[in-house]
Amino acid sequence: MEVKLDKRYPLDVDPARAWAILGDLKTVAGCMPGAELTEQLSDTSYKGGVKVKVGPAVAQFGGTVDVLEKDEADRKMVLRGKGADKGGSSASMDMTAQIEADPANPLHSVLHGDAAVIVNGKFAQFGGRLMVQVSDMLLEQFVENFRQAAHALPAPEGAAAADSAVSTGAATEAATARSEAPSPRAAPPKVAQEINGLAIVWSLIKNWFAGLFGKKG
């Protein structure tokens, strides 16, 4: 079964800091719930795993991630991941991720991800619609962790000046003074050590019932 995803997530962080996170595969993996890189096989290849927890049971998926392309100028990464569990299920993913500038605000950016995921084995029985719903839930948490990690980095040179330029003519002297004061840095994101499958399933059940009664109404 193949699932295709094309998502854009606005970020309230400048492109430079967003790319600093996206361009570091270890940091990116740390933002994904349950994922970690355990070994660097080469300059562009890594071994890692994902933990999935359903009640008291914990499943471990192992595999590799390869960086096929890293374009500093376009702030783009092309990745390929493959993995399997002991039960015979397997998955592969080809993904292009890019940091895009926000033309309306130089201090904001957009995380754009385009991926094709192929799932085989017992997880394929859930169907494409359910897999997309699960992916959306995981990606929302990933993006929030990504945003926090980017905010925790030092602001690039010139960011304060850009901030002042954006607010010129729209704020009072007091507001301008407050905008120039150093903003508190967010703490590094706390990422779950495994994906809580039970919580995901329960959330999907609630959404299903909500949709069912909504249609009847």
N, C-alpha and C. Protein backbone atom coordinates (compact mmCIF):
# COMPACT_ATOMS: atom_id res chain seq x y z
N MET A 1 0.84 -1.19 0.00
CA MET A 1 0.00 0.00 0.00
C MET A 1 0.88 1.25 0.00
N GLU A 2 0.53 2.21 -0.84
CA GLU A 2 1.31 3.45 -0.93
C GLU A 2 0.48 4.63 -0.47
N VAL A 3 1.09 5.48 0.32
CA VAL A 3 0.45 6.71 0.81
C VAL A 3 1.32 7.89 0.39
N LYS A 4 0.70 8.91 -0.20
CA LYS A 4 1.44 10.09 -0.61
C LYS A 4 1.03 11.28 0.25
N LEU A 5 2.03 12.04 0.66
CA LEU A 5 1.80 13.20 1.54
C LEU A 5 2.47 14.43 0.92
N ASP A 6 1.77 15.55 0.97
CA ASP A 6 2.32 16.83 0.53
C ASP A 6 1.83 17.88 1.51
N LYS A 7 2.70 18.31 2.41
CA LYS A 7 2.29 19.17 3.51
C LYS A 7 3.14 20.43 3.56
N ARG A 8 2.51 21.52 3.99
CA ARG A 8 3.21 22.78 4.25
C ARG A 8 2.84 23.25 5.65
N TYR A 9 3.87 23.52 6.46
CA TYR A 9 3.65 23.96 7.83
C TYR A 9 4.31 25.32 8.04
N PRO A 10 3.51 26.38 8.28
CA PRO A 10 4.09 27.69 8.58
C PRO A 10 4.86 27.64 9.90
N LEU A 11 6.00 28.30 9.95
CA LEU A 11 6.83 28.34 11.15
C LEU A 11 7.07 29.79 11.55
N ASP A 12 6.91 30.09 12.83
CA ASP A 12 7.20 31.44 13.31
C ASP A 12 8.67 31.56 13.68
N VAL A 13 9.52 31.13 12.75
CA VAL A 13 10.97 31.18 12.95
C VAL A 13 11.61 31.46 11.59
N ASP A 14 12.74 32.17 11.59
CA ASP A 14 13.38 32.58 10.35
C ASP A 14 13.94 31.38 9.59
N PRO A 15 14.11 31.50 8.25
CA PRO A 15 14.60 30.38 7.43
C PRO A 15 15.97 29.86 7.87
N ALA A 16 16.85 30.74 8.35
CA ALA A 16 18.20 30.31 8.71
C ALA A 16 18.17 29.30 9.86
N ARG A 17 17.41 29.60 10.89
CA ARG A 17 17.33 28.67 12.03
C ARG A 17 16.55 27.41 11.67
N ALA A 18 15.51 27.56 10.86
CA ALA A 18 14.75 26.38 10.43
C ALA A 18 15.64 25.43 9.63
N TRP A 19 16.49 25.99 8.74
CA TRP A 19 17.37 25.15 7.95
C TRP A 19 18.46 24.52 8.82
N ALA A 20 18.89 25.22 9.85
CA ALA A 20 19.90 24.66 10.75
C ALA A 20 19.38 23.37 11.40
N ILE A 21 18.09 23.29 11.64
CA ILE A 21 17.50 22.07 12.19
C ILE A 21 17.31 21.03 11.09
N LEU A 22 16.70 21.43 9.98
CA LEU A 22 16.43 20.47 8.90
C LEU A 22 17.71 19.89 8.32
N GLY A 23 18.78 20.69 8.26
CA GLY A 23 20.02 20.22 7.67
C GLY A 23 20.82 19.28 8.55
N ASP A 24 20.37 19.08 9.79
CA ASP A 24 21.05 18.17 10.73
C ASP A 24 20.13 16.97 10.96
N LEU A 25 20.42 15.85 10.30
CA LEU A 25 19.53 14.70 10.34
C LEU A 25 19.35 14.16 11.76
N LYS A 26 20.39 14.22 12.58
CA LYS A 26 20.27 13.74 13.95
C LYS A 26 19.27 14.57 14.75
N THR A 27 19.29 15.88 14.54
CA THR A 27 18.35 16.76 15.23
C THR A 27 16.94 16.53 14.72
N VAL A 28 16.80 16.34 13.42
CA VAL A 28 15.48 16.06 12.83
C VAL A 28 14.90 14.78 13.43
N ALA A 29 15.71 13.74 13.51
CA ALA A 29 15.24 12.47 14.09
C ALA A 29 14.82 12.66 15.54
N GLY A 30 15.52 13.52 16.26
CA GLY A 30 15.18 13.77 17.65
C GLY A 30 13.85 14.47 17.82
N CYS A 31 13.35 15.12 16.76
CA CYS A 31 12.06 15.80 16.83
C CYS A 31 10.89 14.86 16.57
N MET A 32 11.16 13.69 16.00
CA MET A 32 10.10 12.73 15.69
C MET A 32 9.85 11.81 16.87
N PRO A 33 8.61 11.76 17.38
CA PRO A 33 8.32 10.89 18.53
C PRO A 33 8.71 9.44 18.26
N GLY A 34 9.50 8.88 19.17
CA GLY A 34 9.86 7.48 19.09
C GLY A 34 11.03 7.15 18.19
N ALA A 35 11.58 8.13 17.47
CA ALA A 35 12.64 7.85 16.51
C ALA A 35 14.00 8.24 17.06
N GLU A 36 15.03 7.50 16.66
CA GLU A 36 16.39 7.86 17.01
C GLU A 36 17.37 7.23 16.02
N LEU A 37 18.47 7.92 15.79
CA LEU A 37 19.56 7.38 14.98
C LEU A 37 20.58 6.75 15.92
N THR A 38 20.91 5.49 15.67
CA THR A 38 21.78 4.76 16.59
C THR A 38 23.21 4.61 16.09
N GLU A 39 23.40 4.75 14.78
CA GLU A 39 24.75 4.53 14.23
C GLU A 39 24.90 5.27 12.90
N GLN A 40 26.05 5.90 12.71
CA GLN A 40 26.34 6.56 11.44
C GLN A 40 27.18 5.61 10.59
N LEU A 41 26.62 5.17 9.47
CA LEU A 41 27.28 4.20 8.61
C LEU A 41 28.25 4.86 7.64
N SER A 42 27.92 6.10 7.22
CA SER A 42 28.78 6.86 6.32
C SER A 42 28.40 8.33 6.46
N ASP A 43 28.95 9.16 5.59
CA ASP A 43 28.62 10.58 5.65
C ASP A 43 27.15 10.85 5.34
N THR A 44 26.51 9.92 4.63
CA THR A 44 25.14 10.16 4.19
C THR A 44 24.17 9.04 4.59
N SER A 45 24.63 8.07 5.36
CA SER A 45 23.80 6.93 5.71
C SER A 45 23.82 6.68 7.22
N TYR A 46 22.63 6.41 7.77
CA TYR A 46 22.49 6.20 9.21
C TYR A 46 21.61 4.99 9.49
N LYS A 47 21.89 4.36 10.61
CA LYS A 47 21.04 3.28 11.10
C LYS A 47 20.24 3.82 12.28
N GLY A 48 18.97 3.41 12.36
CA GLY A 48 18.14 3.91 13.45
C GLY A 48 16.94 3.02 13.71
N GLY A 49 16.02 3.55 14.51
CA GLY A 49 14.85 2.77 14.86
C GLY A 49 13.72 3.65 15.35
N VAL A 50 12.53 3.04 15.45
CA VAL A 50 11.34 3.71 15.96
C VAL A 50 10.64 2.76 16.92
N LYS A 51 10.24 3.28 18.08
CA LYS A 51 9.49 2.48 19.05
C LYS A 51 8.01 2.84 18.98
N VAL A 52 7.16 1.82 18.94
CA VAL A 52 5.72 2.00 18.92
C VAL A 52 5.14 1.27 20.12
N LYS A 53 4.38 2.00 20.96
CA LYS A 53 3.82 1.42 22.17
C LYS A 53 2.30 1.35 22.06
N VAL A 54 1.74 0.16 22.27
CA VAL A 54 0.30 -0.04 22.31
C VAL A 54 -0.01 -0.71 23.64
N GLY A 55 -0.52 0.04 24.61
CA GLY A 55 -0.73 -0.50 25.95
C GLY A 55 0.61 -0.88 26.55
N PRO A 56 0.71 -2.10 27.14
CA PRO A 56 1.98 -2.53 27.73
C PRO A 56 2.98 -3.08 26.71
N ALA A 57 2.53 -3.30 25.47
CA ALA A 57 3.40 -3.89 24.46
C ALA A 57 4.19 -2.80 23.73
N VAL A 58 5.44 -3.08 23.45
CA VAL A 58 6.31 -2.14 22.74
C VAL A 58 6.94 -2.86 21.55
N ALA A 59 6.77 -2.31 20.36
CA ALA A 59 7.36 -2.88 19.15
C ALA A 59 8.52 -1.99 18.71
N GLN A 60 9.56 -2.63 18.17
CA GLN A 60 10.76 -1.90 17.73
C GLN A 60 10.96 -2.10 16.24
N PHE A 61 11.01 -1.00 15.50
CA PHE A 61 11.28 -1.05 14.08
C PHE A 61 12.71 -0.58 13.84
N GLY A 62 13.46 -1.34 13.07
CA GLY A 62 14.84 -0.97 12.76
C GLY A 62 15.01 -0.76 11.27
N GLY A 63 15.94 0.14 10.89
CA GLY A 63 16.16 0.38 9.48
C GLY A 63 17.27 1.37 9.23
N THR A 64 17.28 1.94 8.05
CA THR A 64 18.32 2.89 7.65
C THR A 64 17.69 4.13 7.03
N VAL A 65 18.43 5.23 7.11
CA VAL A 65 18.04 6.49 6.46
C VAL A 65 19.23 6.98 5.66
N ASP A 66 19.00 7.29 4.39
CA ASP A 66 20.05 7.78 3.51
C ASP A 66 19.72 9.19 3.04
N VAL A 67 20.72 10.05 3.09
CA VAL A 67 20.57 11.41 2.55
C VAL A 67 20.96 11.37 1.08
N LEU A 68 19.99 11.47 0.20
CA LEU A 68 20.25 11.41 -1.24
C LEU A 68 20.71 12.75 -1.80
N GLU A 69 20.25 13.83 -1.17
CA GLU A 69 20.63 15.16 -1.65
C GLU A 69 20.52 16.15 -0.51
N LYS A 70 21.49 17.06 -0.43
CA LYS A 70 21.45 18.14 0.54
C LYS A 70 21.88 19.42 -0.16
N ASP A 71 20.93 20.32 -0.36
CA ASP A 71 21.17 21.55 -1.13
C ASP A 71 21.11 22.74 -0.16
N GLU A 72 22.27 23.27 0.18
CA GLU A 72 22.34 24.38 1.12
C GLU A 72 21.68 25.64 0.54
N ALA A 73 21.88 25.89 -0.74
CA ALA A 73 21.35 27.11 -1.36
C ALA A 73 19.82 27.13 -1.35
N ASP A 74 19.21 25.99 -1.66
CA ASP A 74 17.75 25.91 -1.70
C ASP A 74 17.15 25.42 -0.38
N ARG A 75 18.03 25.14 0.59
CA ARG A 75 17.59 24.64 1.91
C ARG A 75 16.69 23.40 1.72
N LYS A 76 17.23 22.43 1.00
CA LYS A 76 16.44 21.24 0.66
C LYS A 76 17.18 19.97 1.00
N MET A 77 16.44 18.98 1.52
CA MET A 77 16.98 17.65 1.82
C MET A 77 16.12 16.60 1.11
N VAL A 78 16.76 15.61 0.51
CA VAL A 78 16.06 14.48 -0.08
C VAL A 78 16.51 13.22 0.66
N LEU A 79 15.56 12.52 1.26
CA LEU A 79 15.87 11.38 2.13
C LEU A 79 15.17 10.12 1.64
N ARG A 80 15.77 8.97 1.96
CA ARG A 80 15.14 7.67 1.72
C ARG A 80 15.30 6.82 2.97
N GLY A 81 14.20 6.34 3.49
CA GLY A 81 14.24 5.51 4.68
C GLY A 81 13.59 4.16 4.44
N LYS A 82 14.16 3.12 5.06
CA LYS A 82 13.63 1.76 4.97
C LYS A 82 13.69 1.12 6.35
N GLY A 83 12.66 0.35 6.69
CA GLY A 83 12.66 -0.30 7.99
C GLY A 83 11.73 -1.49 8.04
N ALA A 84 11.89 -2.33 9.07
CA ALA A 84 11.07 -3.52 9.25
C ALA A 84 11.04 -3.88 10.73
N ASP A 85 10.01 -4.62 11.12
CA ASP A 85 9.95 -5.14 12.49
C ASP A 85 10.06 -6.65 12.46
N LYS A 86 10.13 -7.26 13.63
CA LYS A 86 10.31 -8.72 13.70
C LYS A 86 9.07 -9.48 13.24
N GLY A 87 7.92 -8.80 13.18
CA GLY A 87 6.69 -9.46 12.77
C GLY A 87 6.51 -9.56 11.27
N GLY A 88 7.44 -8.98 10.51
CA GLY A 88 7.36 -9.10 9.06
C GLY A 88 6.82 -7.87 8.36
N SER A 89 6.39 -6.86 9.12
CA SER A 89 5.93 -5.62 8.49
C SER A 89 7.14 -4.79 8.06
N SER A 90 6.97 -4.08 6.97
CA SER A 90 8.07 -3.24 6.47
C SER A 90 7.50 -1.96 5.88
N ALA A 91 8.36 -0.96 5.78
CA ALA A 91 7.96 0.32 5.21
C ALA A 91 9.15 0.99 4.57
N SER A 92 8.88 1.78 3.55
CA SER A 92 9.92 2.58 2.92
C SER A 92 9.36 3.96 2.62
N MET A 93 10.23 4.95 2.58
CA MET A 93 9.77 6.32 2.36
C MET A 93 10.80 7.10 1.56
N ASP A 94 10.34 7.80 0.54
CA ASP A 94 11.14 8.77 -0.19
C ASP A 94 10.56 10.14 0.11
N MET A 95 11.37 11.04 0.63
CA MET A 95 10.85 12.33 1.07
C MET A 95 11.76 13.47 0.63
N THR A 96 11.15 14.55 0.19
CA THR A 96 11.84 15.80 -0.06
C THR A 96 11.32 16.83 0.92
N ALA A 97 12.21 17.42 1.70
CA ALA A 97 11.84 18.44 2.69
C ALA A 97 12.61 19.71 2.39
N GLN A 98 11.92 20.83 2.48
CA GLN A 98 12.54 22.11 2.12
C GLN A 98 12.03 23.23 3.02
N ILE A 99 12.92 24.14 3.34
CA ILE A 99 12.54 25.35 4.08
C ILE A 99 12.32 26.46 3.06
N GLU A 100 11.12 27.01 3.04
CA GLU A 100 10.79 28.08 2.11
C GLU A 100 10.64 29.39 2.88
N ALA A 101 11.09 30.48 2.28
CA ALA A 101 10.95 31.79 2.90
C ALA A 101 9.50 32.25 2.84
N ASP A 102 9.11 33.02 3.83
CA ASP A 102 7.78 33.63 3.85
C ASP A 102 7.92 35.04 3.28
N PRO A 103 7.41 35.32 2.06
CA PRO A 103 7.59 36.64 1.45
C PRO A 103 6.94 37.77 2.25
N ALA A 104 5.97 37.43 3.09
CA ALA A 104 5.29 38.46 3.87
C ALA A 104 6.02 38.81 5.16
N ASN A 105 6.91 37.93 5.60
CA ASN A 105 7.60 38.16 6.87
C ASN A 105 8.96 37.48 6.84
N PRO A 106 10.05 38.24 6.84
CA PRO A 106 11.38 37.63 6.76
C PRO A 106 11.76 36.84 8.01
N LEU A 107 11.00 37.01 9.09
CA LEU A 107 11.30 36.27 10.31
C LEU A 107 10.51 34.96 10.40
N HIS A 108 9.71 34.67 9.38
CA HIS A 108 8.94 33.44 9.34
C HIS A 108 9.36 32.60 8.14
N SER A 109 8.99 31.32 8.16
CA SER A 109 9.33 30.43 7.06
C SER A 109 8.25 29.35 6.96
N VAL A 110 8.42 28.46 5.98
CA VAL A 110 7.47 27.36 5.78
C VAL A 110 8.27 26.06 5.62
N LEU A 111 7.87 25.03 6.35
CA LEU A 111 8.45 23.70 6.19
C LEU A 111 7.57 22.92 5.21
N HIS A 112 8.14 22.59 4.06
CA HIS A 112 7.40 21.88 3.01
C HIS A 112 7.93 20.46 2.90
N GLY A 113 7.05 19.49 3.05
CA GLY A 113 7.44 18.10 2.92
C GLY A 113 6.61 17.37 1.89
N ASP A 114 7.26 16.62 1.01
CA ASP A 114 6.60 15.84 -0.04
C ASP A 114 7.13 14.41 0.07
N ALA A 115 6.25 13.46 0.39
CA ALA A 115 6.73 12.10 0.65
C ALA A 115 5.82 11.05 0.03
N ALA A 116 6.43 9.92 -0.31
CA ALA A 116 5.71 8.72 -0.75
C ALA A 116 6.11 7.59 0.18
N VAL A 117 5.13 7.02 0.86
CA VAL A 117 5.38 5.96 1.84
C VAL A 117 4.73 4.67 1.37
N ILE A 118 5.51 3.60 1.36
CA ILE A 118 5.00 2.27 1.00
C ILE A 118 5.05 1.37 2.22
N VAL A 119 3.89 0.80 2.58
CA VAL A 119 3.78 -0.04 3.78
C VAL A 119 3.35 -1.44 3.37
N ASN A 120 4.02 -2.46 3.92
CA ASN A 120 3.68 -3.85 3.66
C ASN A 120 3.49 -4.58 4.99
N GLY A 121 2.72 -5.66 4.96
CA GLY A 121 2.51 -6.44 6.18
C GLY A 121 1.24 -6.03 6.91
N LYS A 122 1.22 -6.28 8.22
CA LYS A 122 -0.01 -6.08 8.99
C LYS A 122 -0.46 -4.63 9.04
N PHE A 123 0.47 -3.69 8.92
CA PHE A 123 0.08 -2.29 8.99
C PHE A 123 -0.64 -1.84 7.72
N ALA A 124 -0.45 -2.56 6.62
CA ALA A 124 -1.12 -2.19 5.37
C ALA A 124 -2.62 -2.42 5.45
N GLN A 125 -3.07 -3.29 6.37
CA GLN A 125 -4.49 -3.60 6.46
C GLN A 125 -5.32 -2.43 7.00
N PHE A 126 -4.67 -1.45 7.60
CA PHE A 126 -5.41 -0.31 8.13
C PHE A 126 -5.96 0.58 7.01
N GLY A 127 -5.38 0.49 5.81
CA GLY A 127 -5.88 1.28 4.70
C GLY A 127 -5.24 2.64 4.61
N GLY A 128 -5.32 3.22 3.40
CA GLY A 128 -4.66 4.50 3.16
C GLY A 128 -5.22 5.64 3.97
N ARG A 129 -6.54 5.68 4.15
CA ARG A 129 -7.15 6.80 4.87
C ARG A 129 -6.68 6.84 6.32
N LEU A 130 -6.66 5.68 6.97
CA LEU A 130 -6.23 5.63 8.36
C LEU A 130 -4.74 5.97 8.47
N MET A 131 -3.94 5.49 7.53
CA MET A 131 -2.51 5.78 7.57
C MET A 131 -2.25 7.28 7.41
N VAL A 132 -3.05 7.95 6.58
CA VAL A 132 -2.90 9.39 6.41
C VAL A 132 -3.26 10.11 7.70
N GLN A 133 -4.33 9.66 8.39
CA GLN A 133 -4.73 10.28 9.65
C GLN A 133 -3.64 10.12 10.71
N VAL A 134 -3.08 8.93 10.80
CA VAL A 134 -2.00 8.69 11.76
C VAL A 134 -0.79 9.55 11.41
N SER A 135 -0.46 9.61 10.13
CA SER A 135 0.68 10.43 9.70
C SER A 135 0.48 11.89 10.05
N ASP A 136 -0.74 12.40 9.84
CA ASP A 136 -1.03 13.79 10.16
C ASP A 136 -0.82 14.08 11.64
N MET A 137 -1.25 13.16 12.50
CA MET A 137 -1.10 13.35 13.94
C MET A 137 0.37 13.38 14.35
N LEU A 138 1.14 12.45 13.80
CA LEU A 138 2.56 12.39 14.13
C LEU A 138 3.31 13.62 13.59
N LEU A 139 2.95 14.04 12.38
CA LEU A 139 3.63 15.18 11.78
C LEU A 139 3.35 16.47 12.54
N GLU A 140 2.13 16.61 13.08
CA GLU A 140 1.81 17.81 13.86
C GLU A 140 2.70 17.89 15.10
N GLN A 141 2.90 16.74 15.76
CA GLN A 141 3.77 16.75 16.93
C GLN A 141 5.23 16.97 16.52
N PHE A 142 5.62 16.38 15.39
CA PHE A 142 6.98 16.59 14.89
C PHE A 142 7.25 18.07 14.60
N VAL A 143 6.30 18.72 13.93
CA VAL A 143 6.48 20.13 13.56
C VAL A 143 6.58 21.00 14.81
N GLU A 144 5.79 20.71 15.84
CA GLU A 144 5.88 21.49 17.07
C GLU A 144 7.25 21.31 17.73
N ASN A 145 7.75 20.08 17.76
CA ASN A 145 9.10 19.84 18.29
C ASN A 145 10.16 20.54 17.44
N PHE A 146 9.98 20.49 16.13
CA PHE A 146 10.89 21.15 15.18
C PHE A 146 10.92 22.66 15.46
N ARG A 147 9.75 23.25 15.62
CA ARG A 147 9.65 24.69 15.86
C ARG A 147 10.35 25.07 17.17
N GLN A 148 10.13 24.28 18.23
CA GLN A 148 10.76 24.57 19.51
C GLN A 148 12.28 24.47 19.40
N ALA A 149 12.76 23.45 18.69
CA ALA A 149 14.20 23.27 18.53
C ALA A 149 14.81 24.44 17.76
N ALA A 150 14.11 24.95 16.75
CA ALA A 150 14.61 26.09 15.97
C ALA A 150 14.63 27.35 16.82
N HIS A 151 13.61 27.55 17.63
CA HIS A 151 13.54 28.73 18.50
C HIS A 151 14.65 28.70 19.55
N ALA A 152 15.10 27.51 19.93
CA ALA A 152 16.13 27.40 20.95
C ALA A 152 17.51 27.81 20.44
N LEU A 153 17.66 27.92 19.12
CA LEU A 153 18.95 28.33 18.54
C LEU A 153 19.12 29.85 18.65
N PRO A 154 20.37 30.32 18.70
CA PRO A 154 20.61 31.77 18.72
C PRO A 154 20.06 32.41 17.45
N ALA A 155 19.47 33.59 17.60
CA ALA A 155 18.94 34.31 16.44
C ALA A 155 20.09 34.73 15.53
N PRO A 156 19.94 34.63 14.21
CA PRO A 156 21.01 35.01 13.28
C PRO A 156 21.24 36.52 13.30
N GLU A 157 22.44 36.94 12.89
CA GLU A 157 22.75 38.36 12.82
C GLU A 157 21.80 39.06 11.85
N GLY A 158 21.33 40.21 12.28
CA GLY A 158 20.42 40.98 11.43
C GLY A 158 18.96 40.69 11.70
N ALA A 159 18.66 39.64 12.49
CA ALA A 159 17.26 39.31 12.76
C ALA A 159 16.60 40.41 13.57
N ALA A 160 17.32 40.97 14.53
CA ALA A 160 16.75 42.04 15.35
C ALA A 160 16.44 43.26 14.50
N ALA A 161 17.34 43.56 13.55
CA ALA A 161 17.11 44.71 12.67
C ALA A 161 15.90 44.48 11.78
N ALA A 162 15.76 43.25 11.30
CA ALA A 162 14.61 42.93 10.45
C ALA A 162 13.32 43.04 11.25
N ASP A 163 13.36 42.60 12.50
CA ASP A 163 12.19 42.67 13.36
C ASP A 163 11.77 44.12 13.55
N SER A 164 12.77 44.99 13.76
CA SER A 164 12.49 46.41 13.95
C SER A 164 11.90 47.03 12.69
N ALA A 165 12.44 46.62 11.51
CA ALA A 165 11.95 47.16 10.25
C ALA A 165 10.51 46.78 9.99
N VAL A 166 10.14 45.54 10.34
CA VAL A 166 8.78 45.09 10.12
C VAL A 166 7.79 45.87 10.96
N SER A 167 8.21 46.24 12.18
CA SER A 167 7.30 46.91 13.10
C SER A 167 7.34 48.42 13.00
N THR A 168 8.25 48.99 12.16
CA THR A 168 8.37 50.44 12.05
C THR A 168 7.07 51.05 11.54
N GLY A 169 6.62 52.09 12.21
CA GLY A 169 5.41 52.78 11.80
C GLY A 169 4.14 52.13 12.29
N ALA A 170 4.26 50.96 12.94
CA ALA A 170 3.07 50.27 13.41
C ALA A 170 3.07 50.10 14.91
N ALA A 171 4.10 50.60 15.60
CA ALA A 171 4.18 50.43 17.05
C ALA A 171 4.65 51.72 17.68
N THR A 172 4.38 51.87 18.94
CA THR A 172 4.82 53.05 19.70
C THR A 172 6.25 52.85 20.15
N GLU A 173 6.83 53.92 20.78
CA GLU A 173 8.21 53.81 21.26
C GLU A 173 8.34 52.71 22.30
N ALA A 174 7.36 52.57 23.14
CA ALA A 174 7.42 51.53 24.17
C ALA A 174 7.38 50.15 23.54
N ALA A 175 6.51 49.99 22.54
CA ALA A 175 6.42 48.69 21.87
C ALA A 175 7.71 48.36 21.16
N THR A 176 8.33 49.38 20.54
CA THR A 176 9.60 49.17 19.84
C THR A 176 10.69 48.76 20.81
N ALA A 177 10.70 49.39 21.99
CA ALA A 177 11.70 49.04 23.00
C ALA A 177 11.52 47.61 23.46
N ARG A 178 10.26 47.21 23.60
CA ARG A 178 10.00 45.82 24.05
C ARG A 178 10.44 44.84 22.98
N SER A 179 10.22 45.21 21.68
CA SER A 179 10.59 44.28 20.60
C SER A 179 12.09 44.11 20.49
N GLU A 180 12.85 45.16 20.94
CA GLU A 180 14.30 45.07 20.85
C GLU A 180 14.90 44.31 22.02
N ALA A 181 14.11 44.10 23.07
CA ALA A 181 14.62 43.35 24.23
C ALA A 181 14.77 41.89 23.84
N PRO A 182 15.79 41.20 24.35
CA PRO A 182 16.00 39.80 24.00
C PRO A 182 14.82 38.94 24.44
N SER A 183 14.30 38.14 23.54
CA SER A 183 13.17 37.28 23.86
C SER A 183 13.66 36.00 24.51
N PRO A 184 12.86 35.44 25.44
CA PRO A 184 13.27 34.22 26.11
C PRO A 184 13.34 33.05 25.13
N ARG A 185 14.34 32.21 25.29
CA ARG A 185 14.50 31.05 24.42
C ARG A 185 13.68 29.89 24.94
N ALA A 186 13.07 29.19 24.01
CA ALA A 186 12.30 28.02 24.40
C ALA A 186 13.24 26.89 24.79
N ALA A 187 12.80 26.10 25.75
CA ALA A 187 13.61 24.95 26.16
C ALA A 187 13.61 23.93 25.04
N PRO A 188 14.67 23.11 24.93
CA PRO A 188 14.68 22.05 23.91
C PRO A 188 13.46 21.17 24.05
N PRO A 189 12.87 20.73 22.93
CA PRO A 189 11.64 19.96 23.00
C PRO A 189 11.83 18.63 23.72
N LYS A 190 10.81 18.27 24.51
CA LYS A 190 10.81 16.97 25.16
C LYS A 190 10.06 16.00 24.27
N VAL A 191 10.75 15.03 23.72
CA VAL A 191 10.18 14.14 22.74
C VAL A 191 9.92 12.78 23.37
N ALA A 192 8.74 12.22 23.07
CA ALA A 192 8.40 10.91 23.61
C ALA A 192 9.38 9.85 23.13
N GLN A 193 9.70 8.90 24.02
CA GLN A 193 10.66 7.86 23.67
C GLN A 193 10.05 6.78 22.78
N GLU A 194 8.72 6.72 22.71
CA GLU A 194 8.08 5.83 21.77
C GLU A 194 6.74 6.42 21.36
N ILE A 195 6.24 6.00 20.20
CA ILE A 195 4.94 6.45 19.73
C ILE A 195 3.87 5.69 20.50
N ASN A 196 2.95 6.41 21.11
CA ASN A 196 1.88 5.77 21.87
C ASN A 196 0.75 5.41 20.92
N GLY A 197 0.80 4.19 20.42
CA GLY A 197 -0.20 3.73 19.46
C GLY A 197 -1.60 3.70 20.02
N LEU A 198 -1.74 3.40 21.32
CA LEU A 198 -3.05 3.34 21.94
C LEU A 198 -3.71 4.71 21.92
N ALA A 199 -2.94 5.75 22.22
CA ALA A 199 -3.48 7.11 22.19
C ALA A 199 -3.89 7.49 20.78
N ILE A 200 -3.11 7.08 19.78
CA ILE A 200 -3.44 7.38 18.39
C ILE A 200 -4.73 6.69 17.98
N VAL A 201 -4.85 5.40 18.31
CA VAL A 201 -6.05 4.64 17.95
C VAL A 201 -7.28 5.25 18.62
N TRP A 202 -7.16 5.60 19.90
CA TRP A 202 -8.30 6.17 20.62
C TRP A 202 -8.73 7.48 19.99
N SER A 203 -7.77 8.31 19.61
CA SER A 203 -8.08 9.58 18.97
C SER A 203 -8.79 9.35 17.64
N LEU A 204 -8.34 8.36 16.87
CA LEU A 204 -8.98 8.06 15.59
C LEU A 204 -10.39 7.55 15.79
N ILE A 205 -10.62 6.74 16.83
CA ILE A 205 -11.97 6.25 17.13
C ILE A 205 -12.91 7.41 17.44
N LYS A 206 -12.42 8.35 18.25
CA LYS A 206 -13.24 9.52 18.59
C LYS A 206 -13.57 10.33 17.35
N ASN A 207 -12.58 10.50 16.47
CA ASN A 207 -12.81 11.25 15.24
C ASN A 207 -13.82 10.53 14.35
N TRP A 208 -13.75 9.19 14.34
CA TRP A 208 -14.66 8.41 13.52
C TRP A 208 -16.10 8.57 14.00
N PHE A 209 -16.30 8.47 15.32
CA PHE A 209 -17.63 8.64 15.89
C PHE A 209 -18.15 10.06 15.66
N ALA A 210 -17.27 11.05 15.80
CA ALA A 210 -17.68 12.43 15.58
C ALA A 210 -18.15 12.63 14.14
N GLY A 211 -17.42 12.03 13.19
CA GLY A 211 -17.82 12.12 11.79
C GLY A 211 -19.11 11.38 11.51
N LEU A 212 -19.29 10.22 12.18
CA LEU A 212 -20.49 9.41 11.98
C LEU A 212 -21.73 10.16 12.43
N PHE A 213 -21.69 10.71 13.65
CA PHE A 213 -22.85 11.42 14.16
C PHE A 213 -23.05 12.74 13.46
N GLY A 214 -21.94 13.31 12.98
CA GLY A 214 -22.07 14.56 12.24
C GLY A 214 -22.81 14.35 10.94
N LYS A 215 -22.53 13.21 10.26
CA LYS A 215 -23.23 12.92 9.01
C LYS A 215 -24.70 12.66 9.25
N LYS A 216 -25.02 11.93 10.37
CA LYS A 216 -26.41 11.62 10.68
C LYS A 216 -27.18 12.89 11.00
N GLY A 217 -26.47 13.86 11.67
CA GLY A 217 -27.13 15.12 12.01
C GLY A 217 -27.41 15.94 10.78
